[in-house]
Amino acid sequence: MMAETRDRIIVATNELFRRQGYNGTSLSQISEAANATIGSIYHFFPGGKEALGVAVIETTGEMFRELFESIANEAPGPAEAYVAFFAGAGTVLAESGYIDPCPIGTIAREVANVSEPLRVAASNAFASWISAATRHLTNAGIPTEQAEQLAHVFVATVEGTFVLSRTQRSTAPLESAGRCVSRLVTLAIDETQRTPTP
């Protein structure tokens, strides 16, 4: 029961952060949306909204990493995984009415300079995505250093095109980004295969 209450608070907070941002969301709004008292929120998150923000970032970061790994594992090839990921992100974004699908970037932009716990949580979430993409790319035969560079490009592109697609109310930027990242992956694989092994 207690775990259910904690999870309900995180889910409600995630939704509010996506719609209103971190600074635009109050504990009273979270309390109402989660059907939980302010006392319950502090019971599970003694650090208040900041601690709750860290939990939302950690939960969302893990969810998106697992989603990427699932899509990558099911894709017919390494390059196709990125087309599928961006296309899926576009579908989710459009179905939500272009509400921010992931609050991590939003929170980082709002408070990274004023809250070290939130900055560190966002940094760790992004690092986990980069690590997952790096593993995927090295498994495709791309050298580690180049794979990590591509993984950075992938994560930065995801965050940037979410903003662009939301403001344009269009999935086109996400779809274009998926094709471009896919081409970069194809080029990297082709280059690796052409390079003689020492």
Protein backbone atom coordinates (compact mmCIF):
# COMPACT_ATOMS: atom_id res chain seq x y z
CA MET A 1 0.00 0.00 0.00
CA MET A 2 2.80 2.40 0.92
CA ALA A 3 4.67 1.52 -2.27
CA GLU A 4 1.50 2.21 -4.23
CA THR A 5 1.15 5.64 -2.63
CA ARG A 6 4.79 6.48 -3.39
CA ASP A 7 4.40 5.36 -7.00
CA ARG A 8 1.17 7.34 -7.35
CA ILE A 9 2.92 10.48 -6.13
CA ILE A 10 5.74 10.02 -8.63
CA VAL A 11 3.36 9.39 -11.53
CA ALA A 12 1.24 12.45 -10.69
CA THR A 13 4.34 14.62 -10.30
CA ASN A 14 5.76 13.41 -13.59
CA GLU A 15 2.54 14.37 -15.36
CA LEU A 16 2.46 17.81 -13.75
CA PHE A 17 6.12 18.50 -14.54
CA ARG A 18 5.48 17.50 -18.16
CA ARG A 19 2.53 19.89 -18.41
CA GLN A 20 3.65 22.78 -16.21
CA GLY A 21 7.37 22.44 -15.65
CA TYR A 22 9.16 22.13 -12.33
CA ASN A 23 8.84 25.74 -11.19
CA GLY A 24 5.19 25.90 -12.27
CA THR A 25 4.18 22.96 -10.08
CA SER A 26 3.40 23.27 -6.37
CA LEU A 27 3.26 20.61 -3.68
CA SER A 28 -0.43 21.35 -3.19
CA GLN A 29 -1.06 20.55 -6.87
CA ILE A 30 0.94 17.34 -6.51
CA SER A 31 -1.03 16.46 -3.38
CA GLU A 32 -4.34 16.93 -5.18
CA ALA A 33 -3.30 15.10 -8.36
CA ALA A 34 -1.86 12.15 -6.42
CA ASN A 35 -4.74 12.02 -3.92
CA ALA A 36 -2.13 12.11 -1.17
CA THR A 37 -1.61 14.46 1.74
CA ILE A 38 1.32 16.88 1.93
CA GLY A 39 2.42 14.86 4.95
CA SER A 40 2.54 11.69 2.83
CA ILE A 41 4.67 13.46 0.24
CA TYR A 42 7.17 14.49 2.92
CA HIS A 43 7.06 11.00 4.43
CA PHE A 44 8.29 9.46 1.17
CA PHE A 45 10.33 12.47 0.04
CA PRO A 46 11.73 14.29 3.10
CA GLY A 47 13.51 16.76 0.82
CA GLY A 48 10.18 18.01 -0.52
CA LYS A 49 9.73 18.97 -4.16
CA GLU A 50 13.45 18.77 -4.92
CA ALA A 51 13.68 15.18 -3.67
CA LEU A 52 10.52 14.34 -5.56
CA GLY A 53 12.04 15.89 -8.68
CA VAL A 54 15.08 13.66 -8.31
CA ALA A 55 12.82 10.59 -8.05
CA VAL A 56 10.87 11.62 -11.16
CA ILE A 57 14.09 12.12 -13.12
CA GLU A 58 15.48 8.74 -12.01
CA THR A 59 12.24 6.90 -12.81
CA THR A 60 11.77 8.58 -16.19
CA GLY A 61 15.43 8.16 -17.11
CA GLU A 62 15.26 4.43 -16.46
CA MET A 63 12.00 4.11 -18.41
CA PHE A 64 13.39 5.83 -21.51
CA ARG A 65 16.62 3.80 -21.35
CA GLU A 66 14.63 0.56 -21.19
CA LEU A 67 12.44 1.77 -24.06
CA PHE A 68 15.47 2.46 -26.23
CA GLU A 69 17.00 -0.92 -25.41
CA SER A 70 13.72 -2.67 -26.23
CA ILE A 71 13.39 -0.90 -29.59
CA ALA A 72 17.07 -1.49 -30.41
CA ASN A 73 16.75 -5.21 -29.64
CA GLU A 74 13.67 -5.60 -31.83
CA ALA A 75 14.93 -3.55 -34.81
CA PRO A 76 16.03 -5.47 -37.92
CA GLY A 77 19.40 -3.69 -37.88
CA PRO A 78 21.43 -1.15 -35.87
CA ALA A 79 20.61 1.83 -38.08
CA GLU A 80 16.91 0.99 -38.27
CA ALA A 81 16.70 1.18 -34.46
CA TYR A 82 17.10 4.95 -34.57
CA VAL A 83 14.46 5.46 -37.23
CA ALA A 84 12.08 3.36 -35.12
CA PHE A 85 12.92 5.18 -31.88
CA PHE A 86 12.34 8.67 -33.28
CA ALA A 87 9.20 7.59 -35.15
CA GLY A 88 7.81 6.07 -31.96
CA ALA A 89 8.63 9.22 -30.03
CA GLY A 90 6.77 11.24 -32.65
CA THR A 91 3.69 9.04 -32.35
CA VAL A 92 3.64 9.35 -28.55
CA LEU A 93 4.15 13.12 -28.77
CA ALA A 94 1.31 13.62 -31.26
CA GLU A 95 -1.08 11.39 -29.29
CA SER A 96 -0.39 13.41 -26.13
CA GLY A 97 -1.26 16.70 -27.81
CA TYR A 98 2.42 17.69 -27.93
CA ILE A 99 2.88 17.71 -24.17
CA ASP A 100 6.50 17.29 -23.12
CA PRO A 101 7.01 13.49 -23.20
CA CYS A 102 9.99 13.61 -20.87
CA PRO A 103 10.42 16.09 -18.01
CA ILE A 104 14.17 15.54 -17.62
CA GLY A 105 15.31 18.11 -20.17
CA THR A 106 12.70 20.58 -18.99
CA ILE A 107 13.78 20.28 -15.36
CA ALA A 108 17.46 20.50 -16.32
CA ARG A 109 16.89 23.70 -18.28
CA GLU A 110 14.88 25.24 -15.45
CA VAL A 111 16.98 24.44 -12.41
CA ALA A 112 20.38 22.96 -13.36
CA ASN A 113 22.11 26.14 -12.22
CA VAL A 114 20.29 26.37 -8.88
CA SER A 115 19.78 22.76 -7.73
CA GLU A 116 22.77 20.46 -7.64
CA PRO A 117 20.71 17.34 -6.76
CA LEU A 118 18.45 17.87 -9.79
CA ARG A 119 21.39 18.65 -12.07
CA VAL A 120 23.20 15.48 -10.97
CA ALA A 121 20.05 13.37 -11.39
CA ALA A 122 19.52 14.70 -14.92
CA SER A 123 23.19 14.20 -15.76
CA ASN A 124 23.03 10.59 -14.55
CA ALA A 125 19.87 9.93 -16.56
CA PHE A 126 21.42 11.28 -19.75
CA ALA A 127 24.62 9.32 -19.04
CA SER A 128 22.59 6.10 -18.78
CA TRP A 129 21.05 6.78 -22.20
CA ILE A 130 24.48 7.51 -23.68
CA SER A 131 25.85 4.30 -22.19
CA ALA A 132 22.94 2.27 -23.58
CA ALA A 133 23.38 3.73 -27.07
CA THR A 134 27.16 3.26 -26.88
CA ARG A 135 26.69 -0.43 -26.05
CA HIS A 136 24.25 -0.80 -28.91
CA LEU A 137 26.66 0.81 -31.36
CA THR A 138 29.75 -1.07 -30.20
CA ASN A 139 27.77 -4.31 -30.53
CA ALA A 140 27.23 -3.28 -34.15
CA GLY A 141 31.00 -3.20 -34.59
CA ILE A 142 31.64 0.53 -34.25
CA PRO A 143 34.80 1.38 -32.25
CA THR A 144 34.07 2.51 -28.68
CA GLU A 145 35.25 6.11 -29.02
CA GLN A 146 33.25 6.67 -32.19
CA ALA A 147 30.23 4.86 -30.71
CA GLU A 148 30.27 7.14 -27.68
CA GLN A 149 30.46 10.22 -29.91
CA LEU A 150 27.45 8.99 -31.89
CA ALA A 151 25.60 8.23 -28.66
CA HIS A 152 26.12 11.82 -27.51
CA VAL A 153 24.74 13.05 -30.83
CA PHE A 154 21.76 10.73 -30.50
CA VAL A 155 20.80 11.91 -27.01
CA ALA A 156 21.33 15.59 -27.83
CA THR A 157 19.25 15.16 -30.97
CA VAL A 158 16.42 13.51 -29.04
CA GLU A 159 16.23 16.40 -26.59
CA GLY A 160 16.52 19.09 -29.27
CA THR A 161 13.97 17.62 -31.63
CA PHE A 162 11.46 17.12 -28.81
CA VAL A 163 11.54 20.89 -28.31
CA LEU A 164 11.32 21.58 -32.05
CA SER A 165 8.47 19.14 -32.64
CA ARG A 166 6.52 20.48 -29.65
CA THR A 167 6.83 24.11 -30.75
CA GLN A 168 6.01 23.30 -34.40
CA ARG A 169 3.23 20.88 -33.42
CA SER A 170 4.68 18.46 -35.94
CA THR A 171 6.40 15.08 -35.83
CA ALA A 172 8.46 15.98 -38.91
CA PRO A 173 11.55 17.13 -36.94
CA LEU A 174 11.64 13.85 -35.01
CA GLU A 175 11.20 11.77 -38.15
CA SER A 176 13.93 13.74 -39.96
CA ALA A 177 16.24 13.36 -36.98
CA GLY A 178 15.69 9.61 -36.93
CA ARG A 179 16.67 9.31 -40.57
CA CYS A 180 19.75 11.49 -40.07
CA VAL A 181 21.00 9.60 -37.01
CA SER A 182 20.34 6.35 -38.86
CA ARG A 183 22.50 7.52 -41.76
CA LEU A 184 25.31 8.44 -39.37
CA VAL A 185 25.16 4.96 -37.87
CA THR A 186 25.19 3.34 -41.33
CA LEU A 187 28.20 5.43 -42.37
CA ALA A 188 30.05 4.51 -39.17
CA ILE A 189 29.38 0.80 -39.68
CA ASP A 190 30.43 0.96 -43.35
CA GLU A 191 33.60 2.85 -42.43
CA THR A 192 34.45 0.28 -39.77
CA GLN A 193 33.94 -2.61 -42.19
CA ARG A 194 36.19 -0.94 -44.79
CA THR A 195 39.00 -0.29 -42.30
CA PRO A 196 41.55 -3.13 -42.27
CA THR A 197 42.08 -4.78 -38.90
CA PRO A 198 45.68 -4.15 -37.74
